[in-house]
Amino acid sequence: MEGKARTHDSDVMQFCVIAIETAARKMGIPSEELTNRLEAQGLIEGRLFQFYDTLHTQSADYVADDIIETLNNYENDHE
């Protein structure tokens, strides 16, 4: 059985899922909670989508650490 052809959009989506799941695991929280927090700060589109071309060349751990640090900075700035 053949799978669907890969597209840029599917690659970006897969990257985002891996980044969020890895970061959530590092933070010890459910991925749904992290997704909600990232969405509230506009970081899924504004960080993961926008900088996909650069971030996808890094390790999953690097991207997870980057998104955690960015989220913490955004949340602390808006308290």
C-alpha atoms as a PDB file:
ATOM      1  CA  MET A   1       0.000   0.000   0.000  1.00  0.00           C
ATOM      2  CA  GLU A   2       1.357   3.381  -0.993  1.00  0.00           C
ATOM      3  CA  GLY A   3       1.240   6.403   1.311  1.00  0.00           C
ATOM      4  CA  LYS A   4       0.369   9.932   0.387  1.00  0.00           C
ATOM      5  CA  ALA A   5       3.031  12.023  -1.314  1.00  0.00           C
ATOM      6  CA  ARG A   6       4.948  14.319   0.989  1.00  0.00           C
ATOM      7  CA  THR A   7       4.306  18.008   0.624  1.00  0.00           C
ATOM      8  CA  HIS A   8       5.928  21.044   2.169  1.00  0.00           C
ATOM      9  CA  ASP A   9       2.804  21.602   4.277  1.00  0.00           C
ATOM     10  CA  SER A  10       2.824  18.027   5.570  1.00  0.00           C
ATOM     11  CA  ASP A  11       6.535  18.321   6.413  1.00  0.00           C
ATOM     12  CA  VAL A  12       5.900  21.556   8.347  1.00  0.00           C
ATOM     13  CA  MET A  13       2.978  19.979  10.207  1.00  0.00           C
ATOM     14  CA  GLN A  14       5.027  16.908  11.121  1.00  0.00           C
ATOM     15  CA  PHE A  15       7.867  19.153  12.313  1.00  0.00           C
ATOM     16  CA  CYS A  16       5.464  21.135  14.520  1.00  0.00           C
ATOM     17  CA  VAL A  17       3.992  17.998  16.054  1.00  0.00           C
ATOM     18  CA  ILE A  18       7.438  16.615  16.885  1.00  0.00           C
ATOM     19  CA  ALA A  19       8.593  19.971  18.295  1.00  0.00           C
ATOM     20  CA  ILE A  20       5.526  20.351  20.498  1.00  0.00           C
ATOM     21  CA  GLU A  21       5.564  16.745  21.722  1.00  0.00           C
ATOM     22  CA  THR A  22       9.281  16.921  22.529  1.00  0.00           C
ATOM     23  CA  ALA A  23       8.929  20.246  24.352  1.00  0.00           C
ATOM     24  CA  ALA A  24       5.867  19.060  26.289  1.00  0.00           C
ATOM     25  CA  ARG A  25       7.728  15.941  27.381  1.00  0.00           C
ATOM     26  CA  LYS A  26      10.672  18.079  28.566  1.00  0.00           C
ATOM     27  CA  MET A  27       8.268  20.351  30.475  1.00  0.00           C
ATOM     28  CA  GLY A  28       6.358  17.428  31.979  1.00  0.00           C
ATOM     29  CA  ILE A  29       3.003  18.656  30.662  1.00  0.00           C
ATOM     30  CA  PRO A  30       0.484  17.273  28.154  1.00  0.00           C
ATOM     31  CA  SER A  31       1.084  18.320  24.545  1.00  0.00           C
ATOM     32  CA  GLU A  32      -2.466  19.736  24.432  1.00  0.00           C
ATOM     33  CA  GLU A  33      -1.607  22.159  27.250  1.00  0.00           C
ATOM     34  CA  LEU A  34       1.565  23.266  25.507  1.00  0.00           C
ATOM     35  CA  THR A  35      -0.294  23.666  22.217  1.00  0.00           C
ATOM     36  CA  ASN A  36      -2.836  25.931  23.920  1.00  0.00           C
ATOM     37  CA  ARG A  37      -0.116  28.013  25.539  1.00  0.00           C
ATOM     38  CA  LEU A  38       1.795  28.345  22.257  1.00  0.00           C
ATOM     39  CA  GLU A  39      -1.385  29.316  20.410  1.00  0.00           C
ATOM     40  CA  ALA A  40      -2.230  31.930  23.053  1.00  0.00           C
ATOM     41  CA  GLN A  41       1.132  33.597  22.383  1.00  0.00           C
ATOM     42  CA  GLY A  42       0.949  33.170  18.603  1.00  0.00           C
ATOM     43  CA  LEU A  43       4.076  31.023  18.612  1.00  0.00           C
ATOM     44  CA  ILE A  44       2.950  28.095  16.489  1.00  0.00           C
ATOM     45  CA  GLU A  45       2.588  30.296  13.445  1.00  0.00           C
ATOM     46  CA  GLY A  46       4.950  33.059  14.564  1.00  0.00           C
ATOM     47  CA  ARG A  47       7.836  30.810  15.552  1.00  0.00           C
ATOM     48  CA  LEU A  48       7.461  27.230  14.331  1.00  0.00           C
ATOM     49  CA  PHE A  49       5.860  27.980  10.945  1.00  0.00           C
ATOM     50  CA  GLN A  50       7.705  31.234  10.276  1.00  0.00           C
ATOM     51  CA  PHE A  51      11.159  29.856  11.084  1.00  0.00           C
ATOM     52  CA  TYR A  52      10.624  26.308   9.816  1.00  0.00           C
ATOM     53  CA  ASP A  53      13.333  26.659   7.149  1.00  0.00           C
ATOM     54  CA  THR A  54      15.958  27.278   9.835  1.00  0.00           C
ATOM     55  CA  LEU A  55      14.578  25.292  12.770  1.00  0.00           C
ATOM     56  CA  HIS A  56      13.940  22.040  10.905  1.00  0.00           C
ATOM     57  CA  THR A  57      17.685  21.688  10.334  1.00  0.00           C
ATOM     58  CA  GLN A  58      18.261  21.466  14.097  1.00  0.00           C
ATOM     59  CA  SER A  59      17.770  18.539  16.460  1.00  0.00           C
ATOM     60  CA  ALA A  60      14.399  17.926  18.105  1.00  0.00           C
ATOM     61  CA  ASP A  61      15.988  18.731  21.490  1.00  0.00           C
ATOM     62  CA  TYR A  62      17.336  22.049  20.217  1.00  0.00           C
ATOM     63  CA  VAL A  63      13.959  23.060  18.788  1.00  0.00           C
ATOM     64  CA  ALA A  64      12.174  21.960  21.982  1.00  0.00           C
ATOM     65  CA  ASP A  65      14.546  24.012  24.126  1.00  0.00           C
ATOM     66  CA  ASP A  66      14.123  26.988  21.796  1.00  0.00           C
ATOM     67  CA  ILE A  67      10.332  26.876  21.897  1.00  0.00           C
ATOM     68  CA  ILE A  68      10.304  26.440  25.698  1.00  0.00           C
ATOM     69  CA  GLU A  69      12.612  29.426  26.178  1.00  0.00           C
ATOM     70  CA  THR A  70      10.623  31.539  23.714  1.00  0.00           C
ATOM     71  CA  LEU A  71       7.313  30.614  25.359  1.00  0.00           C
ATOM     72  CA  ASN A  72       8.655  31.426  28.823  1.00  0.00           C
ATOM     73  CA  ASN A  73       9.919  34.803  27.577  1.00  0.00           C
ATOM     74  CA  TYR A  74       6.587  35.654  25.941  1.00  0.00           C
ATOM     75  CA  GLU A  75       4.549  34.575  28.960  1.00  0.00           C
ATOM     76  CA  ASN A  76       6.798  36.502  31.377  1.00  0.00           C
ATOM     77  CA  ASP A  77       6.592  39.637  29.218  1.00  0.00           C
ATOM     78  CA  HIS A  78       2.805  39.523  29.238  1.00  0.00           C
ATOM     79  CA  GLU A  79       2.167  38.973  32.945  1.00  0.00           C
END
